[in-house]
Amino acid sequence: RRGDHMLRYAAEDDFGAPETAFNVC
């Protein structure tokens, strides 16, 4: 959780760490 929003995951993937929240999450 990032404030009022949610990441799908915080671990790095093929393109690095996610920078935005995934709305459905």
mmCIF file of all heavy atoms, coordinates in Angstrom:
data_MODEL
# 
_entry.id   MODEL 
# 
loop_
_atom_site.group_PDB 
_atom_site.id 
_atom_site.type_symbol 
_atom_site.label_atom_id 
_atom_site.label_alt_id 
_atom_site.label_comp_id 
_atom_site.label_asym_id 
_atom_site.label_entity_id 
_atom_site.label_seq_id 
_atom_site.pdbx_PDB_ins_code 
_atom_site.Cartn_x 
_atom_site.Cartn_y 
_atom_site.Cartn_z 
_atom_site.occupancy 
_atom_site.B_iso_or_equiv 
_atom_site.pdbx_formal_charge 
_atom_site.auth_seq_id 
_atom_site.auth_comp_id 
_atom_site.auth_asym_id 
_atom_site.auth_atom_id 
_atom_site.pdbx_PDB_model_num 
ATOM 1   N N   . ARG A 1 1  ? 0.838  -1.199 0.000   1.00 0.00 ? 1  ARG A N   1 
ATOM 2   C CA  . ARG A 1 1  ? 0.000  0.000  0.000   1.00 0.00 ? 1  ARG A CA  1 
ATOM 3   C C   . ARG A 1 1  ? 0.874  1.251  0.000   1.00 0.00 ? 1  ARG A C   1 
ATOM 4   O O   . ARG A 1 1  ? 1.861  1.336  0.742   1.00 0.00 ? 1  ARG A O   1 
ATOM 5   C CB  . ARG A 1 1  ? -0.936 -0.011 1.211   1.00 0.00 ? 1  ARG A CB  1 
ATOM 6   C CG  . ARG A 1 1  ? -1.919 1.149  1.217   1.00 0.00 ? 1  ARG A CG  1 
ATOM 7   C CD  . ARG A 1 1  ? -2.997 0.970  2.281   1.00 0.00 ? 1  ARG A CD  1 
ATOM 8   N NE  . ARG A 1 1  ? -3.846 2.144  2.353   1.00 0.00 ? 1  ARG A NE  1 
ATOM 9   C CZ  . ARG A 1 1  ? -4.912 2.258  3.145   1.00 0.00 ? 1  ARG A CZ  1 
ATOM 10  N NH1 . ARG A 1 1  ? -5.261 1.230  3.930   1.00 0.00 ? 1  ARG A NH1 1 
ATOM 11  N NH2 . ARG A 1 1  ? -5.631 3.367  3.165   1.00 0.00 ? 1  ARG A NH2 1 
ATOM 12  N N   . ARG A 1 2  ? 0.503  2.196  -0.858  1.00 0.00 ? 2  ARG A N   1 
ATOM 13  C CA  . ARG A 1 2  ? 1.173  3.493  -0.919  1.00 0.00 ? 2  ARG A CA  1 
ATOM 14  C C   . ARG A 1 2  ? 0.112  4.574  -0.728  1.00 0.00 ? 2  ARG A C   1 
ATOM 15  O O   . ARG A 1 2  ? -0.522 5.017  -1.682  1.00 0.00 ? 2  ARG A O   1 
ATOM 16  C CB  . ARG A 1 2  ? 1.892  3.677  -2.259  1.00 0.00 ? 2  ARG A CB  1 
ATOM 17  C CG  . ARG A 1 2  ? 2.973  2.640  -2.562  1.00 0.00 ? 2  ARG A CG  1 
ATOM 18  C CD  . ARG A 1 2  ? 4.167  2.772  -1.614  1.00 0.00 ? 2  ARG A CD  1 
ATOM 19  N NE  . ARG A 1 2  ? 5.245  1.857  -1.957  1.00 0.00 ? 2  ARG A NE  1 
ATOM 20  C CZ  . ARG A 1 2  ? 5.341  0.597  -1.497  1.00 0.00 ? 2  ARG A CZ  1 
ATOM 21  N NH1 . ARG A 1 2  ? 4.413  0.123  -0.668  1.00 0.00 ? 2  ARG A NH1 1 
ATOM 22  N NH2 . ARG A 1 2  ? 6.368  -0.165 -1.845  1.00 0.00 ? 2  ARG A NH2 1 
ATOM 23  N N   . GLY A 1 3  ? -0.114 4.966  0.506   1.00 0.00 ? 3  GLY A N   1 
ATOM 24  C CA  . GLY A 1 3  ? -1.159 5.948  0.791   1.00 0.00 ? 3  GLY A CA  1 
ATOM 25  C C   . GLY A 1 3  ? -2.521 5.376  0.448   1.00 0.00 ? 3  GLY A C   1 
ATOM 26  O O   . GLY A 1 3  ? -2.956 4.386  1.035   1.00 0.00 ? 3  GLY A O   1 
ATOM 27  N N   . ASP A 1 4  ? -3.199 6.008  -0.498  1.00 0.00 ? 4  ASP A N   1 
ATOM 28  C CA  . ASP A 1 4  ? -4.537 5.559  -0.889  1.00 0.00 ? 4  ASP A CA  1 
ATOM 29  C C   . ASP A 1 4  ? -4.494 4.586  -2.069  1.00 0.00 ? 4  ASP A C   1 
ATOM 30  O O   . ASP A 1 4  ? -5.541 4.286  -2.653  1.00 0.00 ? 4  ASP A O   1 
ATOM 31  C CB  . ASP A 1 4  ? -5.399 6.765  -1.283  1.00 0.00 ? 4  ASP A CB  1 
ATOM 32  C CG  . ASP A 1 4  ? -5.720 7.647  -0.080  1.00 0.00 ? 4  ASP A CG  1 
ATOM 33  O OD1 . ASP A 1 4  ? -5.742 7.125  1.046   1.00 0.00 ? 4  ASP A OD1 1 
ATOM 34  O OD2 . ASP A 1 4  ? -5.942 8.856  -0.285  1.00 0.00 ? 4  ASP A OD2 1 
ATOM 35  N N   . HIS A 1 5  ? -3.327 4.105  -2.422  1.00 0.00 ? 5  HIS A N   1 
ATOM 36  C CA  . HIS A 1 5  ? -3.199 3.287  -3.623  1.00 0.00 ? 5  HIS A CA  1 
ATOM 37  C C   . HIS A 1 5  ? -2.404 2.011  -3.354  1.00 0.00 ? 5  HIS A C   1 
ATOM 38  O O   . HIS A 1 5  ? -1.795 1.865  -2.303  1.00 0.00 ? 5  HIS A O   1 
ATOM 39  C CB  . HIS A 1 5  ? -2.557 4.103  -4.747  1.00 0.00 ? 5  HIS A CB  1 
ATOM 40  C CG  . HIS A 1 5  ? -3.305 5.366  -5.032  1.00 0.00 ? 5  HIS A CG  1 
ATOM 41  N ND1 . HIS A 1 5  ? -4.486 5.388  -5.735  1.00 0.00 ? 5  HIS A ND1 1 
ATOM 42  C CD2 . HIS A 1 5  ? -3.059 6.655  -4.664  1.00 0.00 ? 5  HIS A CD2 1 
ATOM 43  C CE1 . HIS A 1 5  ? -4.931 6.629  -5.805  1.00 0.00 ? 5  HIS A CE1 1 
ATOM 44  N NE2 . HIS A 1 5  ? -4.094 7.418  -5.166  1.00 0.00 ? 5  HIS A NE2 1 
ATOM 45  N N   . MET A 1 6  ? -2.407 1.130  -4.331  1.00 0.00 ? 6  MET A N   1 
ATOM 46  C CA  . MET A 1 6  ? -1.837 -0.192 -4.143  1.00 0.00 ? 6  MET A CA  1 
ATOM 47  C C   . MET A 1 6  ? -0.951 -0.572 -5.329  1.00 0.00 ? 6  MET A C   1 
ATOM 48  O O   . MET A 1 6  ? -1.346 -0.426 -6.492  1.00 0.00 ? 6  MET A O   1 
ATOM 49  C CB  . MET A 1 6  ? -2.996 -1.201 -4.035  1.00 0.00 ? 6  MET A CB  1 
ATOM 50  C CG  . MET A 1 6  ? -2.563 -2.564 -3.568  1.00 0.00 ? 6  MET A CG  1 
ATOM 51  S SD  . MET A 1 6  ? -2.317 -2.547 -1.778  1.00 0.00 ? 6  MET A SD  1 
ATOM 52  C CE  . MET A 1 6  ? -2.794 -4.216 -1.402  1.00 0.00 ? 6  MET A CE  1 
ATOM 53  N N   . LEU A 1 7  ? 0.243  -1.066 -5.029  1.00 0.00 ? 7  LEU A N   1 
ATOM 54  C CA  . LEU A 1 7  ? 1.089  -1.641 -6.067  1.00 0.00 ? 7  LEU A CA  1 
ATOM 55  C C   . LEU A 1 7  ? 0.642  -3.079 -6.337  1.00 0.00 ? 7  LEU A C   1 
ATOM 56  O O   . LEU A 1 7  ? 0.066  -3.728 -5.468  1.00 0.00 ? 7  LEU A O   1 
ATOM 57  C CB  . LEU A 1 7  ? 2.552  -1.662 -5.622  1.00 0.00 ? 7  LEU A CB  1 
ATOM 58  C CG  . LEU A 1 7  ? 3.207  -0.334 -5.225  1.00 0.00 ? 7  LEU A CG  1 
ATOM 59  C CD1 . LEU A 1 7  ? 4.654  -0.578 -4.810  1.00 0.00 ? 7  LEU A CD1 1 
ATOM 60  C CD2 . LEU A 1 7  ? 3.144  0.664  -6.364  1.00 0.00 ? 7  LEU A CD2 1 
ATOM 61  N N   . ARG A 1 8  ? 0.939  -3.588 -7.530  1.00 0.00 ? 8  ARG A N   1 
ATOM 62  C CA  . ARG A 1 8  ? 0.662  -5.016 -7.750  1.00 0.00 ? 8  ARG A CA  1 
ATOM 63  C C   . ARG A 1 8  ? 1.720  -5.864 -7.053  1.00 0.00 ? 8  ARG A C   1 
ATOM 64  O O   . ARG A 1 8  ? 1.450  -6.940 -6.559  1.00 0.00 ? 8  ARG A O   1 
ATOM 65  C CB  . ARG A 1 8  ? 0.582  -5.329 -9.245  1.00 0.00 ? 8  ARG A CB  1 
ATOM 66  C CG  . ARG A 1 8  ? 1.682  -4.740 -10.088 1.00 0.00 ? 8  ARG A CG  1 
ATOM 67  C CD  . ARG A 1 8  ? 1.428  -4.935 -11.564 1.00 0.00 ? 8  ARG A CD  1 
ATOM 68  N NE  . ARG A 1 8  ? 2.268  -4.027 -12.344 1.00 0.00 ? 8  ARG A NE  1 
ATOM 69  C CZ  . ARG A 1 8  ? 2.370  -4.043 -13.655 1.00 0.00 ? 8  ARG A CZ  1 
ATOM 70  N NH1 . ARG A 1 8  ? 1.674  -4.915 -14.352 1.00 0.00 ? 8  ARG A NH1 1 
ATOM 71  N NH2 . ARG A 1 8  ? 3.144  -3.208 -14.282 1.00 0.00 ? 8  ARG A NH2 1 
ATOM 72  N N   . TYR A 1 9  ? 2.957  -5.361 -7.042  1.00 0.00 ? 9  TYR A N   1 
ATOM 73  C CA  . TYR A 1 9  ? 4.063  -5.958 -6.293  1.00 0.00 ? 9  TYR A CA  1 
ATOM 74  C C   . TYR A 1 9  ? 5.131  -4.883 -6.185  1.00 0.00 ? 9  TYR A C   1 
ATOM 75  O O   . TYR A 1 9  ? 5.142  -3.904 -6.951  1.00 0.00 ? 9  TYR A O   1 
ATOM 76  C CB  . TYR A 1 9  ? 4.626  -7.212 -6.990  1.00 0.00 ? 9  TYR A CB  1 
ATOM 77  C CG  . TYR A 1 9  ? 4.891  -7.025 -8.459  1.00 0.00 ? 9  TYR A CG  1 
ATOM 78  C CD1 . TYR A 1 9  ? 6.056  -6.420 -8.912  1.00 0.00 ? 9  TYR A CD1 1 
ATOM 79  C CD2 . TYR A 1 9  ? 3.961  -7.442 -9.418  1.00 0.00 ? 9  TYR A CD2 1 
ATOM 80  C CE1 . TYR A 1 9  ? 6.291  -6.215 -10.260 1.00 0.00 ? 9  TYR A CE1 1 
ATOM 81  C CE2 . TYR A 1 9  ? 4.187  -7.241 -10.765 1.00 0.00 ? 9  TYR A CE2 1 
ATOM 82  C CZ  . TYR A 1 9  ? 5.358  -6.629 -11.185 1.00 0.00 ? 9  TYR A CZ  1 
ATOM 83  O OH  . TYR A 1 9  ? 5.584  -6.428 -12.520 1.00 0.00 ? 9  TYR A OH  1 
ATOM 84  N N   . ALA A 1 10 ? 6.035  -5.031 -5.231  1.00 0.00 ? 10 ALA A N   1 
ATOM 85  C CA  . ALA A 1 10 ? 7.090  -4.039 -5.041  1.00 0.00 ? 10 ALA A CA  1 
ATOM 86  C C   . ALA A 1 10 ? 8.443  -4.548 -5.516  1.00 0.00 ? 10 ALA A C   1 
ATOM 87  O O   . ALA A 1 10 ? 9.379  -3.766 -5.678  1.00 0.00 ? 10 ALA A O   1 
ATOM 88  C CB  . ALA A 1 10 ? 7.177  -3.636 -3.566  1.00 0.00 ? 10 ALA A CB  1 
ATOM 89  N N   . ALA A 1 11 ? 8.540  -5.855 -5.745  1.00 0.00 ? 11 ALA A N   1 
ATOM 90  C CA  . ALA A 1 11 ? 9.805  -6.436 -6.180  1.00 0.00 ? 11 ALA A CA  1 
ATOM 91  C C   . ALA A 1 11 ? 10.146 -5.981 -7.598  1.00 0.00 ? 11 ALA A C   1 
ATOM 92  O O   . ALA A 1 11 ? 9.258  -5.679 -8.395  1.00 0.00 ? 11 ALA A O   1 
ATOM 93  C CB  . ALA A 1 11 ? 9.715  -7.965 -6.127  1.00 0.00 ? 11 ALA A CB  1 
ATOM 94  N N   . GLU A 1 12 ? 11.430 -5.929 -7.907  1.00 0.00 ? 12 GLU A N   1 
ATOM 95  C CA  . GLU A 1 12 ? 11.838 -5.552 -9.258  1.00 0.00 ? 12 GLU A CA  1 
ATOM 96  C C   . GLU A 1 12 ? 11.425 -6.623 -10.256 1.00 0.00 ? 12 GLU A C   1 
ATOM 97  O O   . GLU A 1 12 ? 11.433 -7.813 -9.952  1.00 0.00 ? 12 GLU A O   1 
ATOM 98  C CB  . GLU A 1 12 ? 13.366 -5.342 -9.315  1.00 0.00 ? 12 GLU A CB  1 
ATOM 99  C CG  . GLU A 1 12 ? 13.822 -4.073 -8.632  1.00 0.00 ? 12 GLU A CG  1 
ATOM 100 C CD  . GLU A 1 12 ? 15.215 -3.644 -9.083  1.00 0.00 ? 12 GLU A CD  1 
ATOM 101 O OE1 . GLU A 1 12 ? 15.777 -4.314 -9.967  1.00 0.00 ? 12 GLU A OE1 1 
ATOM 102 O OE2 . GLU A 1 12 ? 15.715 -2.646 -8.556  1.00 0.00 ? 12 GLU A OE2 1 
ATOM 103 N N   . ASP A 1 13 ? 11.062 -6.175 -11.451 1.00 0.00 ? 13 ASP A N   1 
ATOM 104 C CA  . ASP A 1 13 ? 10.714 -7.112 -12.513 1.00 0.00 ? 13 ASP A CA  1 
ATOM 105 C C   . ASP A 1 13 ? 11.640 -6.872 -13.709 1.00 0.00 ? 13 ASP A C   1 
ATOM 106 O O   . ASP A 1 13 ? 12.726 -6.303 -13.562 1.00 0.00 ? 13 ASP A O   1 
ATOM 107 C CB  . ASP A 1 13 ? 9.232  -7.000 -12.892 1.00 0.00 ? 13 ASP A CB  1 
ATOM 108 C CG  . ASP A 1 13 ? 8.866  -5.610 -13.414 1.00 0.00 ? 13 ASP A CG  1 
ATOM 109 O OD1 . ASP A 1 13 ? 9.775  -4.830 -13.766 1.00 0.00 ? 13 ASP A OD1 1 
ATOM 110 O OD2 . ASP A 1 13 ? 7.661  -5.300 -13.479 1.00 0.00 ? 13 ASP A OD2 1 
ATOM 111 N N   . ASP A 1 14 ? 11.187 -7.265 -14.897 1.00 0.00 ? 14 ASP A N   1 
ATOM 112 C CA  . ASP A 1 14 ? 12.015 -7.154 -16.099 1.00 0.00 ? 14 ASP A CA  1 
ATOM 113 C C   . ASP A 1 14 ? 12.437 -5.714 -16.399 1.00 0.00 ? 14 ASP A C   1 
ATOM 114 O O   . ASP A 1 14 ? 13.424 -5.487 -17.101 1.00 0.00 ? 14 ASP A O   1 
ATOM 115 C CB  . ASP A 1 14 ? 11.250 -7.687 -17.330 1.00 0.00 ? 14 ASP A CB  1 
ATOM 116 C CG  . ASP A 1 14 ? 10.488 -8.968 -17.032 1.00 0.00 ? 14 ASP A CG  1 
ATOM 117 O OD1 . ASP A 1 14 ? 10.824 -9.622 -16.036 1.00 0.00 ? 14 ASP A OD1 1 
ATOM 118 O OD2 . ASP A 1 14 ? 9.569  -9.299 -17.795 1.00 0.00 ? 14 ASP A OD2 1 
ATOM 119 N N   . PHE A 1 15 ? 11.660 -4.728 -15.916 1.00 0.00 ? 15 PHE A N   1 
ATOM 120 C CA  . PHE A 1 15 ? 11.921 -3.325 -16.226 1.00 0.00 ? 15 PHE A CA  1 
ATOM 121 C C   . PHE A 1 15 ? 12.312 -2.520 -14.983 1.00 0.00 ? 15 PHE A C   1 
ATOM 122 O O   . PHE A 1 15 ? 12.263 -1.298 -15.004 1.00 0.00 ? 15 PHE A O   1 
ATOM 123 C CB  . PHE A 1 15 ? 10.682 -2.696 -16.875 1.00 0.00 ? 15 PHE A CB  1 
ATOM 124 C CG  . PHE A 1 15 ? 10.380 -3.221 -18.246 1.00 0.00 ? 15 PHE A CG  1 
ATOM 125 C CD1 . PHE A 1 15 ? 9.704  -4.427 -18.408 1.00 0.00 ? 15 PHE A CD1 1 
ATOM 126 C CD2 . PHE A 1 15 ? 10.785 -2.529 -19.376 1.00 0.00 ? 15 PHE A CD2 1 
ATOM 127 C CE1 . PHE A 1 15 ? 9.432  -4.931 -19.673 1.00 0.00 ? 15 PHE A CE1 1 
ATOM 128 C CE2 . PHE A 1 15 ? 10.512 -3.022 -20.647 1.00 0.00 ? 15 PHE A CE2 1 
ATOM 129 C CZ  . PHE A 1 15 ? 9.837  -4.228 -20.801 1.00 0.00 ? 15 PHE A CZ  1 
ATOM 130 N N   . GLY A 1 16 ? 12.662 -3.194 -13.901 1.00 0.00 ? 16 GLY A N   1 
ATOM 131 C CA  . GLY A 1 16 ? 12.985 -2.503 -12.663 1.00 0.00 ? 16 GLY A CA  1 
ATOM 132 C C   . GLY A 1 16 ? 11.803 -2.491 -11.711 1.00 0.00 ? 16 GLY A C   1 
ATOM 133 O O   . GLY A 1 16 ? 10.838 -3.247 -11.869 1.00 0.00 ? 16 GLY A O   1 
ATOM 134 N N   . ALA A 1 17 ? 11.841 -1.624 -10.724 1.00 0.00 ? 17 ALA A N   1 
ATOM 135 C CA  . ALA A 1 17 ? 10.768 -1.542 -9.737  1.00 0.00 ? 17 ALA A CA  1 
ATOM 136 C C   . ALA A 1 17 ? 9.580  -0.774 -10.319 1.00 0.00 ? 17 ALA A C   1 
ATOM 137 O O   . ALA A 1 17 ? 9.758  0.227  -11.011 1.00 0.00 ? 17 ALA A O   1 
ATOM 138 C CB  . ALA A 1 17 ? 11.255 -0.843 -8.473  1.00 0.00 ? 17 ALA A CB  1 
ATOM 139 N N   . PRO A 1 18 ? 8.337  -1.239 -10.049 1.00 0.00 ? 18 PRO A N   1 
ATOM 140 C CA  . PRO A 1 18 ? 7.151  -0.519 -10.539 1.00 0.00 ? 18 PRO A CA  1 
ATOM 141 C C   . PRO A 1 18 ? 7.113  0.909  -9.992  1.00 0.00 ? 18 PRO A C   1 
ATOM 142 O O   . PRO A 1 18 ? 7.421  1.141  -8.827  1.00 0.00 ? 18 PRO A O   1 
ATOM 143 C CB  . PRO A 1 18 ? 5.990  -1.359 -9.992  1.00 0.00 ? 18 PRO A CB  1 
ATOM 144 C CG  . PRO A 1 18 ? 6.571  -2.720 -9.759  1.00 0.00 ? 18 PRO A CG  1 
ATOM 145 C CD  . PRO A 1 18 ? 7.989  -2.482 -9.343  1.00 0.00 ? 18 PRO A CD  1 
ATOM 146 N N   . GLU A 1 19 ? 6.715  1.849  -10.849 1.00 0.00 ? 19 GLU A N   1 
ATOM 147 C CA  . GLU A 1 19 ? 6.694  3.259  -10.464 1.00 0.00 ? 19 GLU A CA  1 
ATOM 148 C C   . GLU A 1 19 ? 5.286  3.783  -10.225 1.00 0.00 ? 19 GLU A C   1 
ATOM 149 O O   . GLU A 1 19 ? 5.112  4.891  -9.713  1.00 0.00 ? 19 GLU A O   1 
ATOM 150 C CB  . GLU A 1 19 ? 7.334  4.106  -11.568 1.00 0.00 ? 19 GLU A CB  1 
ATOM 151 C CG  . GLU A 1 19 ? 8.772  3.731  -11.892 1.00 0.00 ? 19 GLU A CG  1 
ATOM 152 C CD  . GLU A 1 19 ? 9.266  4.453  -13.134 1.00 0.00 ? 19 GLU A CD  1 
ATOM 153 O OE1 . GLU A 1 19 ? 9.278  5.695  -13.116 1.00 0.00 ? 19 GLU A OE1 1 
ATOM 154 O OE2 . GLU A 1 19 ? 9.626  3.779  -14.126 1.00 0.00 ? 19 GLU A OE2 1 
ATOM 155 N N   . THR A 1 20 ? 4.267  3.032  -10.639 1.00 0.00 ? 20 THR A N   1 
ATOM 156 C CA  . THR A 1 20 ? 2.890  3.494  -10.506 1.00 0.00 ? 20 THR A CA  1 
ATOM 157 C C   . THR A 1 20 ? 2.042  2.437  -9.819  1.00 0.00 ? 20 THR A C   1 
ATOM 158 O O   . THR A 1 20 ? 2.386  1.251  -9.810  1.00 0.00 ? 20 THR A O   1 
ATOM 159 C CB  . THR A 1 20 ? 2.285  3.800  -11.893 1.00 0.00 ? 20 THR A CB  1 
ATOM 160 O OG1 . THR A 1 20 ? 2.519  2.675  -12.759 1.00 0.00 ? 20 THR A OG1 1 
ATOM 161 C CG2 . THR A 1 20 ? 2.917  5.035  -12.503 1.00 0.00 ? 20 THR A CG2 1 
ATOM 162 N N   . ALA A 1 21 ? 0.937  2.895  -9.245  1.00 0.00 ? 21 ALA A N   1 
ATOM 163 C CA  . ALA A 1 21 ? -0.020 1.967  -8.648  1.00 0.00 ? 21 ALA A CA  1 
ATOM 164 C C   . ALA A 1 21 ? -0.868 1.349  -9.752  1.00 0.00 ? 21 ALA A C   1 
ATOM 165 O O   . ALA A 1 21 ? -1.141 1.981  -10.769 1.00 0.00 ? 21 ALA A O   1 
ATOM 166 C CB  . ALA A 1 21 ? -0.908 2.708  -7.646  1.00 0.00 ? 21 ALA A CB  1 
ATOM 167 N N   . PHE A 1 22 ? -1.279 0.111  -9.528  1.00 0.00 ? 22 PHE A N   1 
ATOM 168 C CA  . PHE A 1 22 ? -2.103 -0.612 -10.488 1.00 0.00 ? 22 PHE A CA  1 
ATOM 169 C C   . PHE A 1 22 ? -3.541 -0.495 -10.004 1.00 0.00 ? 22 PHE A C   1 
ATOM 170 O O   . PHE A 1 22 ? -3.891 -1.001 -8.938  1.00 0.00 ? 22 PHE A O   1 
ATOM 171 C CB  . PHE A 1 22 ? -1.661 -2.077 -10.529 1.00 0.00 ? 22 PHE A CB  1 
ATOM 172 C CG  . PHE A 1 22 ? -1.942 -2.768 -11.820 1.00 0.00 ? 22 PHE A CG  1 
ATOM 173 C CD1 . PHE A 1 22 ? -1.211 -2.472 -12.955 1.00 0.00 ? 22 PHE A CD1 1 
ATOM 174 C CD2 . PHE A 1 22 ? -2.937 -3.743 -11.906 1.00 0.00 ? 22 PHE A CD2 1 
ATOM 175 C CE1 . PHE A 1 22 ? -1.456 -3.121 -14.159 1.00 0.00 ? 22 PHE A CE1 1 
ATOM 176 C CE2 . PHE A 1 22 ? -3.197 -4.392 -13.098 1.00 0.00 ? 22 PHE A CE2 1 
ATOM 177 C CZ  . PHE A 1 22 ? -2.457 -4.089 -14.226 1.00 0.00 ? 22 PHE A CZ  1 
ATOM 178 N N   . ASN A 1 23 ? -4.379 0.194  -10.767 1.00 0.00 ? 23 ASN A N   1 
ATOM 179 C CA  . ASN A 1 23 ? -5.683 0.610  -10.239 1.00 0.00 ? 23 ASN A CA  1 
ATOM 180 C C   . ASN A 1 23 ? -6.552 -0.546 -9.761  1.00 0.00 ? 23 ASN A C   1 
ATOM 181 O O   . ASN A 1 23 ? -7.226 -0.436 -8.740  1.00 0.00 ? 23 ASN A O   1 
ATOM 182 C CB  . ASN A 1 23 ? -6.422 1.435  -11.296 1.00 0.00 ? 23 ASN A CB  1 
ATOM 183 C CG  . ASN A 1 23 ? -5.815 2.814  -11.467 1.00 0.00 ? 23 ASN A CG  1 
ATOM 184 O OD1 . ASN A 1 23 ? -5.314 3.396  -10.514 1.00 0.00 ? 23 ASN A OD1 1 
ATOM 185 N ND2 . ASN A 1 23 ? -5.848 3.344  -12.678 1.00 0.00 ? 23 ASN A ND2 1 
ATOM 186 N N   . VAL A 1 24 ? -6.562 -1.667 -10.488 1.00 0.00 ? 24 VAL A N   1 
ATOM 187 C CA  . VAL A 1 24 ? -7.429 -2.759 -10.051 1.00 0.00 ? 24 VAL A CA  1 
ATOM 188 C C   . VAL A 1 24 ? -6.984 -3.289 -8.694  1.00 0.00 ? 24 VAL A C   1 
ATOM 189 O O   . VAL A 1 24 ? -7.816 -3.741 -7.889  1.00 0.00 ? 24 VAL A O   1 
ATOM 190 C CB  . VAL A 1 24 ? -7.488 -3.886 -11.101 1.00 0.00 ? 24 VAL A CB  1 
ATOM 191 C CG1 . VAL A 1 24 ? -6.201 -4.689 -11.156 1.00 0.00 ? 24 VAL A CG1 1 
ATOM 192 C CG2 . VAL A 1 24 ? -8.668 -4.822 -10.795 1.00 0.00 ? 24 VAL A CG2 1 
ATOM 193 N N   . CYS A 1 25 ? -5.685 -3.206 -8.395  1.00 0.00 ? 25 CYS A N   1 
ATOM 194 C CA  . CYS A 1 25 ? -5.201 -3.687 -7.099  1.00 0.00 ? 25 CYS A CA  1 
ATOM 195 C C   . CYS A 1 25 ? -5.708 -2.801 -5.966  1.00 0.00 ? 25 CYS A C   1 
ATOM 196 O O   . CYS A 1 25 ? -5.980 -3.289 -4.857  1.00 0.00 ? 25 CYS A O   1 
ATOM 197 C CB  . CYS A 1 25 ? -3.681 -3.757 -7.097  1.00 0.00 ? 25 CYS A CB  1 
ATOM 198 S SG  . CYS A 1 25 ? -3.006 -4.933 -8.287  1.00 0.00 ? 25 CYS A SG  1 
# 
